[in-house]
Amino acid sequence: QVQLVESGGGLVQAGASLRLTCTASGRTFSSSAMAWLRQAPGKDREIVAAINWNGDFIYYADSVKGRLTISRDNAKGTVYLQMNSLKPEDTAVYYCAADSHYMSHYKMNEYEYDYWGQGTQVTVSS
């Protein structure tokens, strides 16, 4: 059974940092594009960061540029989201998603990701 599991969420104050980790089991995604998405209460889910299979191409939503950094360690089968200078508007459930294709570029449409984690809550207080 293929699973993506997110960890590292929590409750922090504005200005703090968190690092989210996405770990895969059941298959390797070291040759697949991956992304972090988030959904805040009452809002649509959005892609905040995405990375192609080898890390050469990275996308960030404008709202997180300069504060969030996506990276991957293909040897460990993990993807990270380093979140600095957190703001209350970053409060959301954060999801890890993976493409099933080999040597894939990241997708800009969330529905093109084939595997999803259950999400981890990030709450930023003011």
C-alpha atoms as a PDB file:
ATOM      1  CA  GLN A   1       0.000   0.000   0.000  1.00  0.00           C
ATOM      2  CA  VAL A   2       1.390   3.344  -1.049  1.00  0.00           C
ATOM      3  CA  GLN A   3       1.326   6.004   1.619  1.00  0.00           C
ATOM      4  CA  LEU A   4       2.542   9.543   2.037  1.00  0.00           C
ATOM      5  CA  VAL A   5       2.791  10.704   5.617  1.00  0.00           C
ATOM      6  CA  GLU A   6       3.283  14.305   6.625  1.00  0.00           C
ATOM      7  CA  SER A   7       4.793  15.345   9.933  1.00  0.00           C
ATOM      8  CA  GLY A   8       6.093  18.478  11.609  1.00  0.00           C
ATOM      9  CA  GLY A   9       2.973  20.580  11.862  1.00  0.00           C
ATOM     10  CA  GLY A  10       1.945  22.353  15.020  1.00  0.00           C
ATOM     11  CA  LEU A  11       0.948  25.560  16.746  1.00  0.00           C
ATOM     12  CA  VAL A  12       3.470  28.387  16.614  1.00  0.00           C
ATOM     13  CA  GLN A  13       3.536  32.136  17.002  1.00  0.00           C
ATOM     14  CA  ALA A  14       3.907  34.521  14.107  1.00  0.00           C
ATOM     15  CA  GLY A  15       7.520  34.803  13.002  1.00  0.00           C
ATOM     16  CA  ALA A  16       8.414  31.274  14.041  1.00  0.00           C
ATOM     17  CA  SER A  17       9.635  28.434  11.831  1.00  0.00           C
ATOM     18  CA  LEU A  18       8.493  24.888  11.169  1.00  0.00           C
ATOM     19  CA  ARG A  19       9.807  22.125   8.956  1.00  0.00           C
ATOM     20  CA  LEU A  20       7.326  19.740   7.432  1.00  0.00           C
ATOM     21  CA  THR A  21       8.453  16.313   6.290  1.00  0.00           C
ATOM     22  CA  CYS A  22       6.750  13.998   3.824  1.00  0.00           C
ATOM     23  CA  THR A  23       7.778  10.366   3.959  1.00  0.00           C
ATOM     24  CA  ALA A  24       6.716   7.780   1.424  1.00  0.00           C
ATOM     25  CA  SER A  25       6.164   4.099   1.947  1.00  0.00           C
ATOM     26  CA  GLY A  26       5.045   1.345  -0.360  1.00  0.00           C
ATOM     27  CA  ARG A  27       6.962   2.729  -3.329  1.00  0.00           C
ATOM     28  CA  THR A  28       9.664   5.244  -4.035  1.00  0.00           C
ATOM     29  CA  PHE A  29       8.962   8.711  -5.407  1.00  0.00           C
ATOM     30  CA  SER A  30      12.598   9.596  -5.905  1.00  0.00           C
ATOM     31  CA  SER A  31      11.961   9.946  -9.648  1.00  0.00           C
ATOM     32  CA  SER A  32       8.646  11.761  -9.386  1.00  0.00           C
ATOM     33  CA  ALA A  33       7.542  15.329  -9.031  1.00  0.00           C
ATOM     34  CA  MET A  34       6.147  16.244  -5.632  1.00  0.00           C
ATOM     35  CA  ALA A  35       4.343  19.164  -4.113  1.00  0.00           C
ATOM     36  CA  TRP A  36       3.113  20.729  -0.912  1.00  0.00           C
ATOM     37  CA  LEU A  37      -0.416  22.076  -0.917  1.00  0.00           C
ATOM     38  CA  ARG A  38      -2.481  23.728   1.762  1.00  0.00           C
ATOM     39  CA  GLN A  39      -6.112  24.354   2.509  1.00  0.00           C
ATOM     40  CA  ALA A  40      -7.227  27.014   4.931  1.00  0.00           C
ATOM     41  CA  PRO A  41     -10.738  27.032   6.409  1.00  0.00           C
ATOM     42  CA  GLY A  42     -13.239  28.287   3.872  1.00  0.00           C
ATOM     43  CA  LYS A  43     -10.657  28.505   1.095  1.00  0.00           C
ATOM     44  CA  ASP A  44      -9.711  26.398  -1.885  1.00  0.00           C
ATOM     45  CA  ARG A  45      -6.692  24.160  -1.703  1.00  0.00           C
ATOM     46  CA  GLU A  46      -3.617  25.703  -3.292  1.00  0.00           C
ATOM     47  CA  ILE A  47      -0.201  24.520  -4.349  1.00  0.00           C
ATOM     48  CA  VAL A  48       2.351  26.408  -2.262  1.00  0.00           C
ATOM     49  CA  ALA A  49       5.495  24.685  -3.515  1.00  0.00           C
ATOM     50  CA  ALA A  50       6.392  22.010  -6.029  1.00  0.00           C
ATOM     51  CA  ILE A  51       9.598  20.337  -7.122  1.00  0.00           C
ATOM     52  CA  ASN A  52      10.467  18.240 -10.122  1.00  0.00           C
ATOM     53  CA  TRP A  53      11.963  14.791  -9.820  1.00  0.00           C
ATOM     54  CA  ASN A  54      15.597  15.829  -9.444  1.00  0.00           C
ATOM     55  CA  GLY A  55      15.116  19.208  -7.807  1.00  0.00           C
ATOM     56  CA  ASP A  56      16.204  21.259 -10.805  1.00  0.00           C
ATOM     57  CA  PHE A  57      12.862  23.030 -11.134  1.00  0.00           C
ATOM     58  CA  ILE A  58      10.930  24.494  -8.252  1.00  0.00           C
ATOM     59  CA  TYR A  59       7.717  26.461  -8.031  1.00  0.00           C
ATOM     60  CA  TYR A  60       6.499  28.705  -5.204  1.00  0.00           C
ATOM     61  CA  ALA A  61       3.219  30.498  -4.830  1.00  0.00           C
ATOM     62  CA  ASP A  62       3.712  34.246  -4.656  1.00  0.00           C
ATOM     63  CA  SER A  63       2.341  34.325  -1.117  1.00  0.00           C
ATOM     64  CA  VAL A  64       5.180  32.161   0.220  1.00  0.00           C
ATOM     65  CA  LYS A  65       8.164  33.192  -1.898  1.00  0.00           C
ATOM     66  CA  GLY A  66      11.174  34.016   0.243  1.00  0.00           C
ATOM     67  CA  ARG A  67       9.708  32.331   3.327  1.00  0.00           C
ATOM     68  CA  LEU A  68       9.063  28.701   2.384  1.00  0.00           C
ATOM     69  CA  THR A  69      11.608  26.351   0.842  1.00  0.00           C
ATOM     70  CA  ILE A  70      10.864  22.953  -0.665  1.00  0.00           C
ATOM     71  CA  SER A  71      13.612  20.371  -0.921  1.00  0.00           C
ATOM     72  CA  ARG A  72      13.955  16.654  -1.369  1.00  0.00           C
ATOM     73  CA  ASP A  73      16.306  13.895  -0.338  1.00  0.00           C
ATOM     74  CA  ASN A  74      15.814  11.141  -2.868  1.00  0.00           C
ATOM     75  CA  ALA A  75      18.138   8.813  -1.022  1.00  0.00           C
ATOM     76  CA  LYS A  76      15.807   8.986   1.983  1.00  0.00           C
ATOM     77  CA  GLY A  77      12.601   9.204  -0.015  1.00  0.00           C
ATOM     78  CA  THR A  78      11.535  12.396   1.733  1.00  0.00           C
ATOM     79  CA  VAL A  79      10.402  15.872   0.784  1.00  0.00           C
ATOM     80  CA  TYR A  80      10.635  18.825   3.111  1.00  0.00           C
ATOM     81  CA  LEU A  81       8.973  22.187   3.440  1.00  0.00           C
ATOM     82  CA  GLN A  82      10.983  24.623   5.519  1.00  0.00           C
ATOM     83  CA  MET A  83       8.656  27.374   6.686  1.00  0.00           C
ATOM     84  CA  ASN A  84      10.199  30.568   8.058  1.00  0.00           C
ATOM     85  CA  SER A  85       8.698  33.861   9.160  1.00  0.00           C
ATOM     86  CA  LEU A  86       5.306  32.239   9.506  1.00  0.00           C
ATOM     87  CA  LYS A  87       2.224  34.437   9.380  1.00  0.00           C
ATOM     88  CA  PRO A  88      -1.314  33.847  10.677  1.00  0.00           C
ATOM     89  CA  GLU A  89      -2.462  33.574   7.061  1.00  0.00           C
ATOM     90  CA  ASP A  90      -0.257  30.486   6.692  1.00  0.00           C
ATOM     91  CA  THR A  91      -2.655  28.640   8.999  1.00  0.00           C
ATOM     92  CA  ALA A  92      -3.958  25.636   7.071  1.00  0.00           C
ATOM     93  CA  VAL A  93      -3.820  21.896   6.670  1.00  0.00           C
ATOM     94  CA  TYR A  94      -0.715  21.117   4.648  1.00  0.00           C
ATOM     95  CA  TYR A  95      -0.697  18.156   2.281  1.00  0.00           C
ATOM     96  CA  CYS A  96       2.094  16.345   0.502  1.00  0.00           C
ATOM     97  CA  ALA A  97       1.322  15.038  -2.980  1.00  0.00           C
ATOM     98  CA  ALA A  98       3.243  12.972  -5.508  1.00  0.00           C
ATOM     99  CA  ASP A  99       3.060  12.329  -9.203  1.00  0.00           C
ATOM    100  CA  SER A 100       3.197   8.712 -10.343  1.00  0.00           C
ATOM    101  CA  HIS A 101       5.209   9.333 -13.497  1.00  0.00           C
ATOM    102  CA  TYR A 102       8.912   8.736 -13.955  1.00  0.00           C
ATOM    103  CA  MET A 103      11.278  11.713 -14.197  1.00  0.00           C
ATOM    104  CA  SER A 104       8.324  14.052 -14.083  1.00  0.00           C
ATOM    105  CA  HIS A 105       8.153  17.804 -13.969  1.00  0.00           C
ATOM    106  CA  TYR A 106       6.003  19.344 -11.273  1.00  0.00           C
ATOM    107  CA  LYS A 107       2.318  19.862 -12.021  1.00  0.00           C
ATOM    108  CA  MET A 108       0.412  23.088 -11.575  1.00  0.00           C
ATOM    109  CA  ASN A 109      -2.938  21.349 -11.361  1.00  0.00           C
ATOM    110  CA  GLU A 110      -3.504  19.612  -8.039  1.00  0.00           C
ATOM    111  CA  TYR A 111      -5.623  16.942  -9.741  1.00  0.00           C
ATOM    112  CA  GLU A 112      -2.575  15.752 -11.673  1.00  0.00           C
ATOM    113  CA  TYR A 113      -0.984  14.447  -8.484  1.00  0.00           C
ATOM    114  CA  ASP A 114      -1.755  10.802  -7.953  1.00  0.00           C
ATOM    115  CA  TYR A 115      -0.875  10.200  -4.319  1.00  0.00           C
ATOM    116  CA  TRP A 116      -1.770  12.280  -1.290  1.00  0.00           C
ATOM    117  CA  GLY A 117      -1.003  12.330   2.382  1.00  0.00           C
ATOM    118  CA  GLN A 118      -3.580  12.864   5.105  1.00  0.00           C
ATOM    119  CA  GLY A 119      -2.324  16.328   5.916  1.00  0.00           C
ATOM    120  CA  THR A 120      -0.790  18.024   8.912  1.00  0.00           C
ATOM    121  CA  GLN A 121      -2.220  21.060  10.671  1.00  0.00           C
ATOM    122  CA  VAL A 122      -0.185  24.239  10.865  1.00  0.00           C
ATOM    123  CA  THR A 123      -1.599  26.974  13.074  1.00  0.00           C
ATOM    124  CA  VAL A 124       0.110  30.343  13.390  1.00  0.00           C
ATOM    125  CA  SER A 125      -1.096  32.638  16.139  1.00  0.00           C
ATOM    126  CA  SER A 126      -0.708  36.397  16.020  1.00  0.00           C
END
